[in-house]
Structures are given as structure tokens and as C-alpha cells.
Amino acid sequence: MEHMSATWLAEAALAADRQGTGNLLRVVLIVMVVGCVLAAWFLLSGYRRK
């Protein structure tokens, strides 16, 4: 099992090297925007309650 995970990790690293940082940057930006929206909703929902 350990050999399979090491092989998978090496293949993932090679695939990421070929694709560049474009996909990673896209995922980070999407997660950041969704996180900001959820944080704003959570903080602003407290103002409606009295």
C-alpha cells in the first residue's frame, strides 16, 4: 500500500509540473471568494437578530 501511495504522489507531482500553476491559482481564488462570501454572510446575519 505504501508503494502505491508513493507512486500516486509522484505521478501527481509530474502532472502538476506539466500543467503549471494555473489550475492551482484558479482553485485558490475560487476557495478564497467562496470563503469571503460565507464569512460576510455569517457576520452580517448577526446584525439582523436583536
PDB file of N, CA and C in Angstrom:
ATOM      1  N   MET A   1       0.825  -1.198   0.000  1.00  0.00           N
ATOM      2  CA  MET A   1       0.000   0.000   0.000  1.00  0.00           C
ATOM      3  C   MET A   1       0.868   1.260   0.000  1.00  0.00           C
ATOM      4  N   GLU A   2       1.973   1.193   0.733  1.00  0.00           N
ATOM      5  CA  GLU A   2       2.858   2.353   0.799  1.00  0.00           C
ATOM      6  C   GLU A   2       3.465   2.660  -0.564  1.00  0.00           C
ATOM      7  N   HIS A   3       3.772   1.617  -1.311  1.00  0.00           N
ATOM      8  CA  HIS A   3       4.354   1.813  -2.643  1.00  0.00           C
ATOM      9  C   HIS A   3       3.351   2.461  -3.587  1.00  0.00           C
ATOM     10  N   MET A   4       2.074   2.089  -3.466  1.00  0.00           N
ATOM     11  CA  MET A   4       1.043   2.673  -4.335  1.00  0.00           C
ATOM     12  C   MET A   4       0.873   4.161  -4.047  1.00  0.00           C
ATOM     13  N   SER A   5       0.878   4.552  -2.777  1.00  0.00           N
ATOM     14  CA  SER A   5       0.684   5.963  -2.458  1.00  0.00           C
ATOM     15  C   SER A   5       1.884   6.796  -2.904  1.00  0.00           C
ATOM     16  N   ALA A   6       3.073   6.250  -2.804  1.00  0.00           N
ATOM     17  CA  ALA A   6       4.256   6.976  -3.258  1.00  0.00           C
ATOM     18  C   ALA A   6       4.229   7.137  -4.773  1.00  0.00           C
ATOM     19  N   THR A   7       3.797   6.109  -5.490  1.00  0.00           N
ATOM     20  CA  THR A   7       3.704   6.196  -6.948  1.00  0.00           C
ATOM     21  C   THR A   7       2.650   7.213  -7.354  1.00  0.00           C
ATOM     22  N   TRP A   8       1.524   7.219  -6.669  1.00  0.00           N
ATOM     23  CA  TRP A   8       0.456   8.164  -6.986  1.00  0.00           C
ATOM     24  C   TRP A   8       0.918   9.587  -6.739  1.00  0.00           C
ATOM     25  N   LEU A   9       1.662   9.781  -5.645  1.00  0.00           N
ATOM     26  CA  LEU A   9       2.155  11.114  -5.315  1.00  0.00           C
ATOM     27  C   LEU A   9       3.157  11.600  -6.362  1.00  0.00           C
ATOM     28  N   ALA A  10       4.004  10.708  -6.833  1.00  0.00           N
ATOM     29  CA  ALA A  10       4.984  11.089  -7.853  1.00  0.00           C
ATOM     30  C   ALA A  10       4.295  11.435  -9.166  1.00  0.00           C
ATOM     31  N   GLU A  11       3.290  10.656  -9.527  1.00  0.00           N
ATOM     32  CA  GLU A  11       2.554  10.946 -10.760  1.00  0.00           C
ATOM     33  C   GLU A  11       1.790  12.255 -10.654  1.00  0.00           C
ATOM     34  N   ALA A  12       1.240  12.555  -9.479  1.00  0.00           N
ATOM     35  CA  ALA A  12       0.531  13.820  -9.283  1.00  0.00           C
ATOM     36  C   ALA A  12       1.496  14.993  -9.373  1.00  0.00           C
ATOM     37  N   ALA A  13       2.698  14.822  -8.840  1.00  0.00           N
ATOM     38  CA  ALA A  13       3.687  15.901  -8.918  1.00  0.00           C
ATOM     39  C   ALA A  13       4.112  16.152 -10.351  1.00  0.00           C
ATOM     40  N   LEU A  14       4.289  15.083 -11.128  1.00  0.00           N
ATOM     41  CA  LEU A  14       4.650  15.250 -12.539  1.00  0.00           C
ATOM     42  C   LEU A  14       3.529  15.920 -13.324  1.00  0.00           C
ATOM     43  N   ALA A  15       2.294  15.551 -13.043  1.00  0.00           N
ATOM     44  CA  ALA A  15       1.155  16.156 -13.742  1.00  0.00           C
ATOM     45  C   ALA A  15       1.034  17.638 -13.378  1.00  0.00           C
ATOM     46  N   ALA A  16       1.259  17.969 -12.127  1.00  0.00           N
ATOM     47  CA  ALA A  16       1.187  19.372 -11.710  1.00  0.00           C
ATOM     48  C   ALA A  16       2.302  20.181 -12.351  1.00  0.00           C
ATOM     49  N   ASP A  17       3.450  19.559 -12.525  1.00  0.00           N
ATOM     50  CA  ASP A  17       4.573  20.262 -13.152  1.00  0.00           C
ATOM     51  C   ASP A  17       4.269  20.562 -14.621  1.00  0.00           C
ATOM     52  N   ARG A  18       3.601  19.654 -15.289  1.00  0.00           N
ATOM     53  CA  ARG A  18       3.249  19.882 -16.695  1.00  0.00           C
ATOM     54  C   ARG A  18       2.164  20.932 -16.853  1.00  0.00           C
ATOM     55  N   GLN A  19       1.228  20.981 -15.928  1.00  0.00           N
ATOM     56  CA  GLN A  19       0.101  21.904 -16.050  1.00  0.00           C
ATOM     57  C   GLN A  19       0.459  23.313 -15.609  1.00  0.00           C
ATOM     58  N   GLY A  20       1.450  23.454 -14.795  1.00  0.00           N
ATOM     59  CA  GLY A  20       1.810  24.766 -14.288  1.00  0.00           C
ATOM     60  C   GLY A  20       0.958  25.133 -13.080  1.00  0.00           C
ATOM     61  N   THR A  21       0.984  26.407 -12.739  1.00  0.00           N
ATOM     62  CA  THR A  21       0.270  26.855 -11.540  1.00  0.00           C
ATOM     63  C   THR A  21      -1.102  27.423 -11.858  1.00  0.00           C
ATOM     64  N   GLY A  22      -1.533  27.366 -13.094  1.00  0.00           N
ATOM     65  CA  GLY A  22      -2.815  27.957 -13.471  1.00  0.00           C
ATOM     66  C   GLY A  22      -3.992  27.336 -12.760  1.00  0.00           C
ATOM     67  N   ASN A  23      -4.043  26.004 -12.723  1.00  0.00           N
ATOM     68  CA  ASN A  23      -5.164  25.331 -12.068  1.00  0.00           C
ATOM     69  C   ASN A  23      -5.143  25.555 -10.562  1.00  0.00           C
ATOM     70  N   LEU A  24      -3.955  25.514  -9.970  1.00  0.00           N
ATOM     71  CA  LEU A  24      -3.855  25.743  -8.533  1.00  0.00           C
ATOM     72  C   LEU A  24      -4.305  27.152  -8.172  1.00  0.00           C
ATOM     73  N   LEU A  25      -3.875  28.131  -8.953  1.00  0.00           N
ATOM     74  CA  LEU A  25      -4.275  29.512  -8.696  1.00  0.00           C
ATOM     75  C   LEU A  25      -5.781  29.683  -8.847  1.00  0.00           C
ATOM     76  N   ARG A  26      -6.362  29.026  -9.836  1.00  0.00           N
ATOM     77  CA  ARG A  26      -7.806  29.104 -10.047  1.00  0.00           C
ATOM     78  C   ARG A  26      -8.556  28.531  -8.852  1.00  0.00           C
ATOM     79  N   VAL A  27      -8.104  27.396  -8.339  1.00  0.00           N
ATOM     80  CA  VAL A  27      -8.765  26.768  -7.187  1.00  0.00           C
ATOM     81  C   VAL A  27      -8.618  27.646  -5.948  1.00  0.00           C
ATOM     82  N   VAL A  28      -7.432  28.202  -5.739  1.00  0.00           N
ATOM     83  CA  VAL A  28      -7.211  29.066  -4.572  1.00  0.00           C
ATOM     84  C   VAL A  28      -8.108  30.291  -4.639  1.00  0.00           C
ATOM     85  N   LEU A  29      -8.234  30.890  -5.803  1.00  0.00           N
ATOM     86  CA  LEU A  29      -9.084  32.079  -5.937  1.00  0.00           C
ATOM     87  C   LEU A  29     -10.553  31.748  -5.705  1.00  0.00           C
ATOM     88  N   ILE A  30     -11.014  30.625  -6.227  1.00  0.00           N
ATOM     89  CA  ILE A  30     -12.422  30.239  -6.036  1.00  0.00           C
ATOM     90  C   ILE A  30     -12.707  29.977  -4.567  1.00  0.00           C
ATOM     91  N   VAL A  31     -11.800  29.260  -3.895  1.00  0.00           N
ATOM     92  CA  VAL A  31     -11.995  28.974  -2.467  1.00  0.00           C
ATOM     93  C   VAL A  31     -11.957  30.259  -1.654  1.00  0.00           C
ATOM     94  N   MET A  32     -11.084  31.190  -2.027  1.00  0.00           N
ATOM     95  CA  MET A  32     -10.997  32.458  -1.308  1.00  0.00           C
ATOM     96  C   MET A  32     -12.280  33.275  -1.468  1.00  0.00           C
ATOM     97  N   VAL A  33     -12.832  33.325  -2.673  1.00  0.00           N
ATOM     98  CA  VAL A  33     -14.057  34.090  -2.897  1.00  0.00           C
ATOM     99  C   VAL A  33     -15.223  33.455  -2.148  1.00  0.00           C
ATOM    100  N   VAL A  34     -15.335  32.131  -2.221  1.00  0.00           N
ATOM    101  CA  VAL A  34     -16.421  31.452  -1.509  1.00  0.00           C
ATOM    102  C   VAL A  34     -16.274  31.651  -0.002  1.00  0.00           C
ATOM    103  N   GLY A  35     -15.042  31.594   0.504  1.00  0.00           N
ATOM    104  CA  GLY A  35     -14.808  31.821   1.925  1.00  0.00           C
ATOM    105  C   GLY A  35     -15.179  33.227   2.355  1.00  0.00           C
ATOM    106  N   CYS A  36     -14.860  34.215   1.520  1.00  0.00           N
ATOM    107  CA  CYS A  36     -15.224  35.604   1.847  1.00  0.00           C
ATOM    108  C   CYS A  36     -16.735  35.792   1.863  1.00  0.00           C
ATOM    109  N   VAL A  37     -17.413  35.178   0.911  1.00  0.00           N
ATOM    110  CA  VAL A  37     -18.879  35.286   0.865  1.00  0.00           C
ATOM    111  C   VAL A  37     -19.493  34.642   2.103  1.00  0.00           C
ATOM    112  N   LEU A  38     -19.008  33.462   2.470  1.00  0.00           N
ATOM    113  CA  LEU A  38     -19.552  32.792   3.661  1.00  0.00           C
ATOM    114  C   LEU A  38     -19.239  33.572   4.940  1.00  0.00           C
ATOM    115  N   ALA A  39     -18.043  34.141   5.038  1.00  0.00           N
ATOM    116  CA  ALA A  39     -17.701  34.930   6.224  1.00  0.00           C
ATOM    117  C   ALA A  39     -18.558  36.182   6.306  1.00  0.00           C
ATOM    118  N   ALA A  40     -18.780  36.845   5.177  1.00  0.00           N
ATOM    119  CA  ALA A  40     -19.626  38.044   5.175  1.00  0.00           C
ATOM    120  C   ALA A  40     -21.052  37.691   5.552  1.00  0.00           C
ATOM    121  N   TRP A  41     -21.561  36.584   5.018  1.00  0.00           N
ATOM    122  CA  TRP A  41     -22.931  36.165   5.353  1.00  0.00           C
ATOM    123  C   TRP A  41     -23.040  35.853   6.843  1.00  0.00           C
ATOM    124  N   PHE A  42     -22.038  35.169   7.385  1.00  0.00           N
ATOM    125  CA  PHE A  42     -22.064  34.813   8.802  1.00  0.00           C
ATOM    126  C   PHE A  42     -21.999  36.058   9.685  1.00  0.00           C
ATOM    127  N   LEU A  43     -21.136  36.994   9.338  1.00  0.00           N
ATOM    128  CA  LEU A  43     -21.004  38.200  10.154  1.00  0.00           C
ATOM    129  C   LEU A  43     -22.214  39.117  10.019  1.00  0.00           C
ATOM    130  N   LEU A  44     -22.727  39.281   8.808  1.00  0.00           N
ATOM    131  CA  LEU A  44     -23.854  40.178   8.610  1.00  0.00           C
ATOM    132  C   LEU A  44     -25.177  39.603   9.075  1.00  0.00           C
ATOM    133  N   SER A  45     -25.274  38.277   9.175  1.00  0.00           N
ATOM    134  CA  SER A  45     -26.537  37.682   9.667  1.00  0.00           C
ATOM    135  C   SER A  45     -26.751  37.989  11.139  1.00  0.00           C
ATOM    136  N   GLY A  46     -25.703  38.280  11.862  1.00  0.00           N
ATOM    137  CA  GLY A  46     -25.834  38.621  13.277  1.00  0.00           C
ATOM    138  C   GLY A  46     -26.454  39.984  13.507  1.00  0.00           C
ATOM    139  N   TYR A  47     -26.391  40.866  12.537  1.00  0.00           N
ATOM    140  CA  TYR A  47     -26.955  42.201  12.694  1.00  0.00           C
ATOM    141  C   TYR A  47     -28.481  42.191  12.575  1.00  0.00           C
ATOM    142  N   ARG A  48     -29.031  41.176  11.910  1.00  0.00           N
ATOM    143  CA  ARG A  48     -30.494  41.116  11.788  1.00  0.00           C
ATOM    144  C   ARG A  48     -31.154  40.720  13.088  1.00  0.00           C
ATOM    145  N   ARG A  49     -30.478  39.875  13.863  1.00  0.00           N
ATOM    146  CA  ARG A  49     -31.049  39.425  15.129  1.00  0.00           C
ATOM    147  C   ARG A  49     -30.857  40.495  16.187  1.00  0.00           C
ATOM    148  N   LYS A  50     -31.880  40.676  17.033  1.00  0.00           N
ATOM    149  CA  LYS A  50     -31.774  41.694  18.078  1.00  0.00           C
ATOM    150  C   LYS A  50     -31.820  41.062  19.456  1.00  0.00           C
TER     151      LYS A  50
END
